[in-house]
N, C-alpha and C. Protein backbone atom coordinates (compact mmCIF):
# COMPACT_ATOMS: atom_id res chain seq x y z
N MET A 1 42.63 -45.05 -2.21
CA MET A 1 41.56 -44.74 -3.01
C MET A 1 41.21 -43.28 -2.69
N SER A 2 40.98 -42.40 -3.80
CA SER A 2 40.60 -41.06 -3.51
C SER A 2 38.99 -41.00 -3.27
N ARG A 3 38.66 -40.11 -2.53
CA ARG A 3 37.31 -39.83 -2.20
C ARG A 3 36.51 -39.48 -3.38
N GLY A 4 35.19 -39.92 -3.54
CA GLY A 4 34.46 -39.60 -4.71
C GLY A 4 33.86 -38.15 -4.58
N LYS A 5 33.19 -37.70 -5.60
CA LYS A 5 32.46 -36.47 -5.68
C LYS A 5 31.18 -36.66 -5.38
N PHE A 6 30.46 -35.47 -4.90
CA PHE A 6 29.13 -35.28 -4.55
C PHE A 6 28.32 -34.36 -5.32
N ILE A 7 27.57 -34.89 -6.18
CA ILE A 7 26.74 -33.86 -7.12
C ILE A 7 25.27 -34.04 -6.82
N THR A 8 24.63 -32.91 -6.74
CA THR A 8 23.16 -32.91 -6.53
C THR A 8 22.54 -32.12 -7.58
N LEU A 9 21.37 -32.56 -7.93
CA LEU A 9 20.51 -32.06 -8.89
C LEU A 9 19.21 -31.27 -8.28
N GLU A 10 18.89 -30.03 -8.56
CA GLU A 10 17.86 -29.23 -7.94
C GLU A 10 17.00 -28.49 -8.92
N GLY A 11 15.84 -28.13 -8.48
CA GLY A 11 14.99 -27.38 -9.32
C GLY A 11 13.56 -27.39 -8.80
N ILE A 12 12.72 -26.52 -9.26
CA ILE A 12 11.26 -26.59 -8.98
C ILE A 12 10.75 -27.79 -9.74
N ASP A 13 9.57 -28.41 -9.18
CA ASP A 13 8.81 -29.41 -9.95
C ASP A 13 8.45 -28.91 -11.42
N GLY A 14 8.75 -29.84 -12.29
CA GLY A 14 8.64 -29.50 -13.74
C GLY A 14 9.88 -28.87 -14.35
N ALA A 15 10.91 -28.68 -13.69
CA ALA A 15 11.99 -27.99 -14.23
C ALA A 15 12.94 -29.09 -15.12
N GLY A 16 12.80 -30.23 -14.93
CA GLY A 16 13.33 -31.18 -15.93
C GLY A 16 14.71 -31.84 -15.43
N LYS A 17 14.86 -31.66 -14.07
CA LYS A 17 16.09 -32.24 -13.55
C LYS A 17 16.22 -33.65 -13.55
N SER A 18 15.24 -34.49 -13.27
CA SER A 18 15.22 -35.90 -13.32
C SER A 18 15.40 -36.38 -14.66
N THR A 19 15.07 -35.68 -15.67
CA THR A 19 15.22 -36.14 -17.08
C THR A 19 16.72 -36.32 -17.40
N HIS A 20 17.57 -35.50 -16.74
CA HIS A 20 19.00 -35.50 -17.10
C HIS A 20 19.85 -36.37 -16.18
N LEU A 21 19.32 -37.01 -15.11
CA LEU A 21 20.05 -37.69 -14.06
C LEU A 21 20.81 -38.93 -14.73
N ASN A 22 20.24 -39.67 -15.61
CA ASN A 22 20.90 -40.84 -16.13
C ASN A 22 21.91 -40.34 -17.11
N PHE A 23 21.66 -39.32 -17.91
CA PHE A 23 22.77 -38.75 -18.76
C PHE A 23 23.87 -38.38 -18.05
N ILE A 24 23.88 -37.72 -16.81
CA ILE A 24 24.85 -37.24 -16.08
C ILE A 24 25.64 -38.47 -15.54
N ALA A 25 25.05 -39.46 -15.11
CA ALA A 25 25.62 -40.65 -14.58
C ALA A 25 26.37 -41.39 -15.64
N GLU A 26 25.77 -41.54 -16.84
CA GLU A 26 26.48 -42.18 -18.05
C GLU A 26 27.74 -41.40 -18.54
N HIS A 27 27.61 -40.14 -18.39
CA HIS A 27 28.76 -39.20 -18.83
C HIS A 27 29.82 -39.41 -18.08
N LEU A 28 29.75 -39.61 -16.70
CA LEU A 28 30.76 -39.79 -15.63
C LEU A 28 31.33 -41.22 -15.68
N ARG A 29 30.50 -42.14 -16.14
CA ARG A 29 30.93 -43.44 -16.18
C ARG A 29 31.75 -43.60 -17.56
N ALA A 30 31.45 -42.99 -18.60
CA ALA A 30 32.33 -42.87 -19.79
C ALA A 30 33.59 -42.21 -19.54
N LEU A 31 33.77 -41.43 -18.42
CA LEU A 31 35.04 -40.72 -18.01
C LEU A 31 35.68 -41.61 -17.06
N GLY A 32 35.20 -42.76 -16.66
CA GLY A 32 35.86 -43.85 -15.92
C GLY A 32 35.58 -43.65 -14.37
N LYS A 33 34.45 -42.98 -14.13
CA LYS A 33 34.11 -42.86 -12.65
C LYS A 33 32.99 -43.64 -12.31
N PRO A 34 33.13 -44.48 -11.08
CA PRO A 34 32.13 -45.33 -10.65
C PRO A 34 30.98 -44.37 -9.93
N VAL A 35 29.85 -44.61 -10.28
CA VAL A 35 28.67 -43.74 -9.96
C VAL A 35 27.52 -44.50 -9.13
N LEU A 36 27.12 -43.72 -8.12
CA LEU A 36 25.75 -44.27 -7.57
C LEU A 36 24.82 -42.97 -7.61
N THR A 37 23.50 -43.36 -8.08
CA THR A 37 22.55 -42.42 -8.05
C THR A 37 21.60 -42.71 -6.86
N THR A 38 21.08 -41.60 -6.44
CA THR A 38 20.06 -41.66 -5.32
C THR A 38 19.14 -40.56 -5.39
N ARG A 39 18.24 -40.43 -4.38
CA ARG A 39 17.22 -39.19 -4.40
C ARG A 39 16.93 -38.86 -2.93
N GLU A 40 16.28 -37.77 -2.80
CA GLU A 40 15.74 -37.22 -1.52
C GLU A 40 14.49 -36.59 -1.84
N PRO A 41 13.45 -36.71 -0.86
CA PRO A 41 13.65 -37.67 0.20
C PRO A 41 13.76 -39.04 -0.24
N GLY A 42 14.21 -39.88 0.57
CA GLY A 42 14.32 -41.35 0.19
C GLY A 42 15.94 -41.76 0.25
N GLY A 43 16.21 -42.72 -0.74
CA GLY A 43 17.53 -43.19 -0.82
C GLY A 43 17.92 -44.30 0.10
N THR A 44 17.05 -44.56 1.06
CA THR A 44 17.29 -45.77 1.99
C THR A 44 15.84 -46.39 2.11
N PRO A 45 15.86 -47.67 2.75
CA PRO A 45 14.47 -48.28 2.98
C PRO A 45 13.56 -47.39 3.97
N LEU A 46 14.17 -46.83 5.07
CA LEU A 46 13.49 -46.08 5.94
C LEU A 46 13.12 -44.70 5.25
N GLY A 47 14.11 -44.08 4.41
CA GLY A 47 13.92 -42.81 3.72
C GLY A 47 12.70 -42.84 2.75
N GLU A 48 12.67 -44.07 2.17
CA GLU A 48 11.58 -44.24 1.17
C GLU A 48 10.23 -44.27 1.83
N MET A 49 10.13 -44.85 3.07
CA MET A 49 8.89 -44.90 3.81
C MET A 49 8.55 -43.45 4.16
N LEU A 50 9.57 -42.74 4.62
CA LEU A 50 9.27 -41.41 5.00
C LEU A 50 9.00 -40.54 3.81
N ARG A 51 9.40 -40.75 2.69
CA ARG A 51 9.06 -40.12 1.49
C ARG A 51 7.59 -40.27 1.07
N ASP A 52 7.04 -41.61 1.24
CA ASP A 52 5.83 -41.87 1.10
C ASP A 52 4.77 -40.94 1.97
N LEU A 53 5.23 -40.80 3.21
CA LEU A 53 4.45 -39.94 4.11
C LEU A 53 4.41 -38.43 3.79
N LEU A 54 5.66 -38.11 3.35
CA LEU A 54 5.88 -36.66 2.97
C LEU A 54 5.12 -36.16 1.79
N LEU A 55 5.01 -37.06 0.75
CA LEU A 55 4.34 -36.79 -0.45
C LEU A 55 2.87 -36.97 -0.44
N SER A 56 2.37 -37.69 0.62
CA SER A 56 0.91 -38.02 0.57
C SER A 56 0.23 -37.47 1.73
N GLN A 57 0.76 -37.28 3.04
CA GLN A 57 -0.01 -36.99 4.16
C GLN A 57 0.17 -35.49 4.51
N ALA A 58 -0.99 -34.79 4.80
CA ALA A 58 -0.77 -33.51 5.42
C ALA A 58 -0.22 -33.43 6.74
N MET A 59 0.60 -32.50 7.06
CA MET A 59 1.20 -32.29 8.33
C MET A 59 1.55 -30.92 8.51
N HIS A 60 2.01 -30.60 9.78
CA HIS A 60 2.57 -29.36 10.20
C HIS A 60 3.83 -29.08 9.50
N VAL A 61 4.10 -27.88 9.10
CA VAL A 61 5.24 -27.57 8.24
C VAL A 61 6.51 -27.88 9.11
N GLU A 62 6.59 -27.65 10.46
CA GLU A 62 7.73 -28.12 11.08
C GLU A 62 7.99 -29.63 11.24
N THR A 63 6.93 -30.33 11.31
CA THR A 63 6.97 -31.75 11.28
C THR A 63 7.52 -32.15 9.89
N GLU A 64 7.01 -31.53 8.89
CA GLU A 64 7.53 -31.92 7.56
C GLU A 64 9.08 -31.54 7.31
N THR A 65 9.45 -30.41 7.86
CA THR A 65 10.95 -30.10 7.83
C THR A 65 11.74 -31.10 8.65
N LEU A 66 11.26 -31.51 9.81
CA LEU A 66 12.01 -32.43 10.71
C LEU A 66 12.19 -33.71 9.94
N ILE A 67 11.13 -34.27 9.46
CA ILE A 67 11.10 -35.58 8.69
C ILE A 67 11.96 -35.49 7.47
N MET A 68 12.13 -34.27 6.77
CA MET A 68 13.12 -34.15 5.73
C MET A 68 14.49 -34.37 6.24
N PHE A 69 14.80 -33.79 7.32
CA PHE A 69 16.18 -33.89 7.89
C PHE A 69 16.40 -35.25 8.39
N ALA A 70 15.40 -35.87 9.01
CA ALA A 70 15.54 -37.27 9.67
C ALA A 70 15.89 -38.22 8.52
N SER A 71 15.10 -38.05 7.44
CA SER A 71 15.48 -38.94 6.21
C SER A 71 16.86 -38.59 5.76
N ARG A 72 17.23 -37.40 5.77
CA ARG A 72 18.64 -37.02 5.19
C ARG A 72 19.77 -37.53 6.12
N ARG A 73 19.58 -37.51 7.42
CA ARG A 73 20.48 -38.16 8.22
C ARG A 73 20.83 -39.60 7.99
N GLU A 74 19.54 -40.28 7.65
CA GLU A 74 19.78 -41.65 7.46
C GLU A 74 20.50 -41.90 6.08
N HIS A 75 20.09 -41.03 5.19
CA HIS A 75 20.65 -41.04 3.80
C HIS A 75 22.23 -41.01 3.89
N ILE A 76 22.65 -39.80 4.59
CA ILE A 76 23.99 -39.35 4.68
C ILE A 76 24.80 -40.68 5.40
N HIS A 77 24.17 -41.24 6.43
CA HIS A 77 24.88 -42.21 7.19
C HIS A 77 24.90 -43.52 6.49
N LYS A 78 24.00 -43.95 5.77
CA LYS A 78 23.80 -45.20 5.29
C LYS A 78 24.33 -45.27 3.82
N VAL A 79 24.11 -44.28 3.06
CA VAL A 79 24.51 -44.27 1.55
C VAL A 79 25.62 -43.24 1.28
N ILE A 80 25.40 -41.98 1.45
CA ILE A 80 26.24 -41.08 0.69
C ILE A 80 27.60 -41.05 1.23
N VAL A 81 27.81 -40.95 2.55
CA VAL A 81 29.31 -40.93 2.98
C VAL A 81 29.90 -42.20 2.70
N PRO A 82 29.47 -43.45 3.06
CA PRO A 82 30.04 -44.73 2.65
C PRO A 82 30.45 -44.85 1.23
N ALA A 83 29.54 -44.38 0.30
CA ALA A 83 29.82 -44.39 -1.09
C ALA A 83 31.03 -43.48 -1.48
N LEU A 84 31.00 -42.23 -0.99
CA LEU A 84 31.99 -41.31 -1.14
C LEU A 84 33.41 -41.83 -0.71
N GLU A 85 33.36 -42.51 0.52
CA GLU A 85 34.52 -42.92 1.14
C GLU A 85 35.19 -44.15 0.23
N LYS A 86 34.27 -44.93 -0.63
CA LYS A 86 34.73 -45.94 -1.33
C LYS A 86 35.35 -45.42 -2.76
N GLY A 87 35.13 -44.16 -2.91
CA GLY A 87 35.39 -43.55 -4.13
C GLY A 87 34.46 -43.36 -5.16
N LEU A 88 33.20 -43.75 -4.93
CA LEU A 88 32.06 -43.48 -5.85
C LEU A 88 31.62 -42.20 -5.88
N TRP A 89 31.26 -41.71 -7.13
CA TRP A 89 30.74 -40.44 -7.34
C TRP A 89 29.06 -40.56 -7.13
N VAL A 90 28.77 -39.60 -6.19
CA VAL A 90 27.30 -39.83 -5.81
C VAL A 90 26.43 -38.78 -6.59
N ILE A 91 25.48 -39.09 -7.20
CA ILE A 91 24.50 -38.20 -7.72
C ILE A 91 23.13 -38.22 -7.03
N SER A 92 22.63 -37.12 -6.47
CA SER A 92 21.42 -37.16 -5.62
C SER A 92 20.44 -36.25 -6.29
N ASP A 93 19.34 -36.80 -6.56
CA ASP A 93 17.98 -36.06 -7.04
C ASP A 93 17.52 -35.24 -5.88
N ARG A 94 18.09 -34.11 -5.64
CA ARG A 94 17.73 -33.25 -4.41
C ARG A 94 18.66 -33.52 -3.28
N PHE A 95 18.89 -32.34 -2.49
CA PHE A 95 19.36 -32.48 -1.14
C PHE A 95 18.95 -31.27 -0.40
N THR A 96 20.00 -30.60 0.39
CA THR A 96 19.46 -29.79 1.34
C THR A 96 18.98 -28.32 0.74
N ASP A 97 19.59 -28.09 -0.60
CA ASP A 97 18.98 -26.86 -1.10
C ASP A 97 17.54 -26.87 -1.39
N ALA A 98 17.02 -28.22 -1.59
CA ALA A 98 15.50 -28.26 -1.77
C ALA A 98 14.92 -27.92 -0.53
N THR A 99 15.45 -28.16 0.75
CA THR A 99 14.80 -27.85 1.98
C THR A 99 14.76 -26.35 2.18
N TYR A 100 15.86 -25.68 1.79
CA TYR A 100 15.87 -24.15 1.83
C TYR A 100 14.84 -23.63 1.01
N ALA A 101 14.63 -24.21 -0.24
CA ALA A 101 13.65 -23.78 -1.22
C ALA A 101 12.29 -24.05 -0.80
N TYR A 102 12.04 -25.31 -0.59
CA TYR A 102 10.58 -25.66 -0.34
C TYR A 102 10.04 -25.46 1.13
N GLN A 103 10.90 -25.82 2.07
CA GLN A 103 10.29 -25.62 3.49
C GLN A 103 10.71 -24.18 3.82
N GLY A 104 11.85 -23.59 3.31
CA GLY A 104 12.20 -22.26 3.77
C GLY A 104 11.33 -21.20 2.91
N GLY A 105 11.79 -21.24 1.54
CA GLY A 105 11.05 -20.31 0.73
C GLY A 105 9.57 -20.56 0.54
N GLY A 106 9.16 -21.84 0.26
CA GLY A 106 7.85 -22.15 0.11
C GLY A 106 6.91 -21.96 1.38
N ARG A 107 7.38 -22.72 2.32
CA ARG A 107 6.57 -22.83 3.66
C ARG A 107 6.88 -21.82 4.67
N GLY A 108 8.03 -21.10 4.56
CA GLY A 108 8.23 -19.98 5.49
C GLY A 108 9.08 -20.34 6.72
N ILE A 109 9.61 -21.50 6.73
CA ILE A 109 10.54 -21.87 7.89
C ILE A 109 11.75 -20.92 7.83
N ALA A 110 12.01 -20.47 9.04
CA ALA A 110 13.32 -19.49 9.12
C ALA A 110 14.52 -20.01 8.64
N VAL A 111 15.40 -19.35 7.97
CA VAL A 111 16.58 -19.76 7.46
C VAL A 111 17.61 -20.17 8.65
N GLU A 112 17.44 -19.43 9.73
CA GLU A 112 18.41 -19.92 10.95
C GLU A 112 18.00 -21.29 11.40
N ARG A 113 16.69 -21.57 11.36
CA ARG A 113 16.27 -23.04 11.93
C ARG A 113 16.87 -23.93 11.00
N LEU A 114 16.71 -23.82 9.65
CA LEU A 114 17.14 -24.68 8.72
C LEU A 114 18.81 -24.85 8.84
N LYS A 115 19.40 -23.84 9.01
CA LYS A 115 20.89 -23.73 9.04
C LYS A 115 21.34 -24.62 10.30
N ASN A 116 20.64 -24.47 11.42
CA ASN A 116 20.89 -25.29 12.79
C ASN A 116 20.75 -26.77 12.44
N LEU A 117 19.65 -27.20 11.60
CA LEU A 117 19.32 -28.53 11.37
C LEU A 117 20.41 -29.09 10.36
N GLU A 118 20.85 -28.22 9.35
CA GLU A 118 21.76 -28.64 8.39
C GLU A 118 23.08 -28.84 9.15
N ASP A 119 23.55 -28.00 10.01
CA ASP A 119 24.91 -28.31 10.64
C ASP A 119 24.87 -29.39 11.54
N TRP A 120 23.81 -29.70 12.16
CA TRP A 120 23.59 -30.83 12.97
C TRP A 120 23.53 -32.18 12.13
N VAL A 121 22.72 -32.31 11.16
CA VAL A 121 22.59 -33.47 10.48
C VAL A 121 23.69 -33.78 9.49
N GLN A 122 24.32 -32.68 8.89
CA GLN A 122 25.36 -32.86 7.88
C GLN A 122 26.74 -32.97 8.34
N ASN A 123 27.00 -32.50 9.44
CA ASN A 123 28.35 -32.57 9.97
C ASN A 123 29.45 -32.14 8.96
N GLY A 124 29.12 -30.85 8.30
CA GLY A 124 30.01 -30.25 7.26
C GLY A 124 29.84 -30.94 5.86
N LEU A 125 29.05 -32.04 5.54
CA LEU A 125 29.05 -32.38 4.32
C LEU A 125 28.29 -31.49 3.40
N GLN A 126 28.87 -31.22 2.24
CA GLN A 126 28.23 -30.36 1.26
C GLN A 126 28.64 -30.95 -0.13
N PRO A 127 27.74 -30.77 -1.16
CA PRO A 127 27.91 -31.23 -2.48
C PRO A 127 29.13 -30.51 -3.11
N ASP A 128 29.82 -31.23 -3.93
CA ASP A 128 31.06 -30.58 -4.74
C ASP A 128 30.48 -29.83 -5.90
N LEU A 129 29.34 -30.10 -6.26
CA LEU A 129 28.61 -29.43 -7.36
C LEU A 129 26.98 -29.59 -7.31
N THR A 130 26.46 -28.42 -7.49
CA THR A 130 24.95 -28.50 -7.58
C THR A 130 24.38 -27.94 -8.87
N LEU A 131 23.66 -28.83 -9.55
CA LEU A 131 23.03 -28.33 -10.92
C LEU A 131 21.73 -27.89 -10.58
N LEU A 132 21.36 -26.62 -10.92
CA LEU A 132 20.04 -25.97 -10.54
C LEU A 132 19.47 -25.83 -11.75
N PHE A 133 18.56 -26.77 -12.16
CA PHE A 133 17.68 -26.56 -13.35
C PHE A 133 16.48 -25.50 -13.21
N ASP A 134 16.53 -24.57 -14.00
CA ASP A 134 15.48 -23.48 -13.84
C ASP A 134 14.77 -23.24 -15.07
N VAL A 135 13.37 -23.08 -14.85
CA VAL A 135 12.43 -22.68 -15.93
C VAL A 135 11.46 -21.62 -15.40
N PRO A 136 10.90 -20.78 -16.19
CA PRO A 136 9.88 -19.94 -15.76
C PRO A 136 8.67 -20.72 -15.10
N LEU A 137 7.98 -20.09 -14.20
CA LEU A 137 6.80 -20.94 -13.68
C LEU A 137 5.68 -21.47 -14.67
N GLU A 138 5.51 -20.61 -15.64
CA GLU A 138 4.39 -21.03 -16.67
C GLU A 138 4.92 -22.29 -17.41
N VAL A 139 6.32 -22.46 -17.54
CA VAL A 139 6.75 -23.68 -18.18
C VAL A 139 6.69 -24.83 -17.26
N SER A 140 7.02 -24.67 -16.00
CA SER A 140 6.95 -25.82 -15.03
C SER A 140 5.55 -26.34 -14.86
N GLN A 141 4.56 -25.25 -14.74
CA GLN A 141 3.00 -25.54 -14.60
C GLN A 141 2.62 -26.30 -15.75
N GLN A 142 3.00 -26.02 -17.04
CA GLN A 142 2.60 -26.62 -18.24
C GLN A 142 2.98 -28.05 -18.32
N ARG A 143 4.38 -28.23 -17.99
CA ARG A 143 4.82 -29.63 -17.74
C ARG A 143 4.11 -30.52 -16.74
N LEU A 144 3.86 -29.87 -15.59
CA LEU A 144 2.96 -30.68 -14.61
C LEU A 144 1.53 -31.00 -15.01
N SER A 145 1.08 -30.11 -15.82
CA SER A 145 -0.29 -30.44 -16.27
C SER A 145 -0.48 -31.73 -16.97
N PHE A 146 0.63 -32.20 -17.59
CA PHE A 146 0.61 -33.62 -18.18
C PHE A 146 0.53 -34.76 -17.14
N ASN A 147 0.99 -34.46 -16.00
CA ASN A 147 1.00 -35.62 -14.98
C ASN A 147 -0.45 -35.75 -14.28
N GLN A 148 -0.92 -36.98 -14.46
CA GLN A 148 -2.31 -37.19 -13.87
C GLN A 148 -2.20 -37.69 -12.36
N SER A 149 -1.08 -37.80 -11.82
CA SER A 149 -0.93 -38.25 -10.38
C SER A 149 0.04 -37.45 -9.65
N LEU A 150 -0.44 -36.08 -9.37
CA LEU A 150 0.46 -35.22 -8.62
C LEU A 150 0.54 -35.41 -7.07
N ASP A 151 1.76 -35.25 -6.56
CA ASP A 151 1.81 -35.44 -5.18
C ASP A 151 1.52 -34.30 -4.37
N ARG A 152 1.62 -34.20 -3.02
CA ARG A 152 1.15 -33.13 -2.25
C ARG A 152 2.01 -31.95 -2.56
N PHE A 153 3.14 -31.95 -2.88
CA PHE A 153 4.06 -30.63 -3.30
C PHE A 153 3.54 -30.28 -4.66
N GLU A 154 3.48 -31.05 -5.62
CA GLU A 154 3.22 -30.79 -7.01
C GLU A 154 1.83 -30.13 -7.19
N GLN A 155 0.96 -30.30 -6.17
CA GLN A 155 -0.38 -29.79 -6.20
C GLN A 155 -0.32 -28.43 -5.65
N GLU A 156 0.71 -27.85 -5.23
CA GLU A 156 0.64 -26.50 -4.53
C GLU A 156 0.24 -25.49 -5.59
N LYS A 157 -0.03 -24.16 -5.08
CA LYS A 157 -0.37 -23.09 -5.90
C LYS A 157 0.78 -22.43 -6.60
N GLN A 158 0.58 -21.75 -7.61
CA GLN A 158 1.60 -21.11 -8.25
C GLN A 158 2.40 -20.10 -7.42
N GLU A 159 1.78 -19.46 -6.43
CA GLU A 159 2.44 -18.65 -5.48
C GLU A 159 3.44 -19.33 -4.62
N PHE A 160 3.22 -20.42 -4.38
CA PHE A 160 4.12 -21.44 -3.51
C PHE A 160 5.47 -21.71 -4.46
N PHE A 161 5.19 -22.10 -5.73
CA PHE A 161 6.34 -22.35 -6.48
C PHE A 161 7.12 -21.04 -6.95
N SER A 162 6.46 -19.96 -6.97
CA SER A 162 7.14 -18.74 -7.04
C SER A 162 8.11 -18.42 -6.06
N ARG A 163 7.75 -18.62 -4.75
CA ARG A 163 8.64 -18.59 -3.55
C ARG A 163 9.85 -19.54 -3.59
N VAL A 164 9.40 -20.69 -4.01
CA VAL A 164 10.44 -21.85 -4.05
C VAL A 164 11.48 -21.45 -5.12
N ARG A 165 10.98 -20.98 -6.38
CA ARG A 165 11.93 -20.51 -7.28
C ARG A 165 12.95 -19.62 -6.89
N GLN A 166 12.26 -18.63 -6.21
CA GLN A 166 13.09 -17.44 -5.84
C GLN A 166 14.15 -17.80 -4.76
N ALA A 167 13.73 -18.70 -3.86
CA ALA A 167 14.66 -19.18 -2.93
C ALA A 167 15.74 -19.93 -3.45
N TYR A 168 15.44 -20.80 -4.51
CA TYR A 168 16.63 -21.41 -5.24
C TYR A 168 17.48 -20.46 -5.97
N LEU A 169 16.97 -19.46 -6.56
CA LEU A 169 17.85 -18.46 -7.23
C LEU A 169 18.66 -17.71 -6.22
N ASP A 170 18.06 -17.37 -5.02
CA ASP A 170 18.90 -16.77 -4.02
C ASP A 170 20.01 -17.63 -3.56
N ARG A 171 19.74 -18.91 -3.37
CA ARG A 171 20.89 -19.86 -3.05
C ARG A 171 21.93 -19.76 -4.06
N ALA A 172 21.64 -19.86 -5.36
CA ALA A 172 22.55 -19.81 -6.52
C ALA A 172 23.46 -18.46 -6.38
N HIS A 173 22.67 -17.43 -6.08
CA HIS A 173 23.45 -16.12 -5.98
C HIS A 173 24.58 -16.18 -4.86
N THR A 174 24.01 -16.76 -3.69
CA THR A 174 24.85 -16.89 -2.37
C THR A 174 26.01 -17.81 -2.60
N PHE A 175 25.89 -18.93 -3.32
CA PHE A 175 26.91 -19.94 -3.43
C PHE A 175 27.23 -20.22 -4.95
N PRO A 176 27.68 -19.22 -5.75
CA PRO A 176 27.92 -19.34 -7.11
C PRO A 176 29.08 -20.30 -7.43
N GLN A 177 30.03 -20.58 -6.50
CA GLN A 177 31.12 -21.58 -6.90
C GLN A 177 30.49 -23.06 -6.90
N ARG A 178 29.56 -23.23 -6.10
CA ARG A 178 28.91 -24.57 -6.04
C ARG A 178 27.71 -24.84 -6.82
N ILE A 179 26.67 -23.92 -6.87
CA ILE A 179 25.50 -24.03 -7.48
C ILE A 179 25.60 -23.34 -8.91
N LYS A 180 25.34 -24.18 -10.07
CA LYS A 180 25.44 -23.78 -11.26
C LYS A 180 23.97 -23.71 -11.91
N LEU A 181 23.67 -22.63 -12.43
CA LEU A 181 22.23 -22.38 -12.97
C LEU A 181 22.25 -22.93 -14.52
N ILE A 182 21.27 -23.80 -14.60
CA ILE A 182 21.04 -24.45 -15.87
C ILE A 182 19.74 -23.90 -16.47
N ASP A 183 19.75 -23.23 -17.73
CA ASP A 183 18.60 -22.78 -18.35
C ASP A 183 17.98 -23.96 -19.02
N SER A 184 16.83 -24.58 -18.26
CA SER A 184 16.11 -25.82 -18.73
C SER A 184 14.97 -25.56 -19.74
N THR A 185 14.91 -24.38 -20.23
CA THR A 185 14.07 -24.09 -21.40
C THR A 185 14.71 -24.43 -22.72
N ARG A 186 16.02 -24.67 -22.75
CA ARG A 186 16.64 -24.99 -23.92
C ARG A 186 16.41 -26.35 -24.40
N SER A 187 16.84 -26.81 -25.47
CA SER A 187 16.83 -28.14 -26.17
C SER A 187 17.51 -29.13 -25.14
N ILE A 188 17.18 -30.27 -25.20
CA ILE A 188 17.91 -31.35 -24.35
C ILE A 188 19.41 -31.34 -24.79
N ALA A 189 19.66 -31.31 -26.17
CA ALA A 189 21.04 -31.32 -26.58
C ALA A 189 21.77 -30.15 -26.13
N GLU A 190 21.23 -29.00 -26.06
CA GLU A 190 21.92 -27.68 -25.58
C GLU A 190 22.24 -27.93 -24.08
N ILE A 191 21.19 -28.40 -23.35
CA ILE A 191 21.39 -28.58 -21.89
C ILE A 191 22.53 -29.64 -21.60
N GLN A 192 22.48 -30.66 -22.34
CA GLN A 192 23.45 -31.66 -22.18
C GLN A 192 24.90 -31.05 -22.51
N THR A 193 25.11 -30.38 -23.42
CA THR A 193 26.42 -29.79 -23.79
C THR A 193 26.83 -29.00 -22.65
N SER A 194 26.01 -28.09 -21.95
CA SER A 194 26.30 -27.45 -20.79
C SER A 194 26.76 -28.22 -19.54
N LEU A 195 26.02 -29.32 -19.46
CA LEU A 195 26.17 -30.34 -18.37
C LEU A 195 27.56 -30.93 -18.46
N CYS A 196 27.98 -31.32 -19.67
CA CYS A 196 29.14 -32.09 -19.91
C CYS A 196 30.45 -31.04 -19.50
N GLY A 197 30.22 -29.77 -19.93
CA GLY A 197 31.24 -28.79 -19.61
C GLY A 197 31.48 -28.67 -18.08
N LEU A 198 30.48 -28.58 -17.43
CA LEU A 198 30.43 -28.52 -15.97
C LEU A 198 30.87 -29.75 -15.39
N LEU A 199 30.53 -30.91 -15.74
CA LEU A 199 31.09 -32.20 -15.19
C LEU A 199 32.50 -32.50 -15.55
N ASP A 200 32.96 -32.05 -16.68
CA ASP A 200 34.35 -32.34 -16.98
C ASP A 200 35.27 -31.42 -16.23
N GLN A 201 34.76 -30.41 -15.60
CA GLN A 201 35.52 -29.53 -14.84
C GLN A 201 35.94 -30.28 -13.43
N LEU A 202 35.12 -31.03 -13.01
CA LEU A 202 35.17 -31.91 -11.87
C LEU A 202 36.17 -32.92 -11.81
N VAL A 203 36.38 -33.48 -13.22
CA VAL A 203 37.20 -34.69 -13.32
C VAL A 203 38.68 -34.26 -13.41
N PRO A 204 39.55 -34.81 -12.49
CA PRO A 204 40.95 -34.42 -12.74
C PRO A 204 41.60 -34.89 -13.94
N GLN A 205 42.50 -33.99 -14.48
CA GLN A 205 43.12 -34.22 -15.77
C GLN A 205 44.22 -35.18 -15.72
């Protein structure tokens, strides 16, 4: 059995990535691929407990970063790698690019520290495709304004999200073969047409 593919969805809060997760999964299933969807932080029972802490409890930024990677280690070991080895296509709502964007760009953790943790925790694992959903800050803020129960990250100031977005764009510039920028200001139909084109390129003919 051939190894599955690993796809990650990224973007600032309010960019709309979660809206398209089910569409991506169903499109791949229609192409005959077995699919597993998951998320970060979370994805395992322990990861979901850590997610609750991360989204609700104030903590030192280094503590936050280490918990992110602790949750990721469990996620990789218990869910992602076993699924890929069974031939499943894994779609994760966020992965390590989010840590570079939020803890690196947003919080100011040095890229070198994040890279050391990434190398240790992931042991070479990288997504085959990362879909980066991007919108201007004013669009993301308007979308978040409709949410009455914002978590600790969603409540951050606009300056924070500006740094996060820029870090994401920098990552896309650095890794253009893996990270594909999706203009999420377009209609859902237009976005889904773009997604189909990118996903179809991953499927062997």
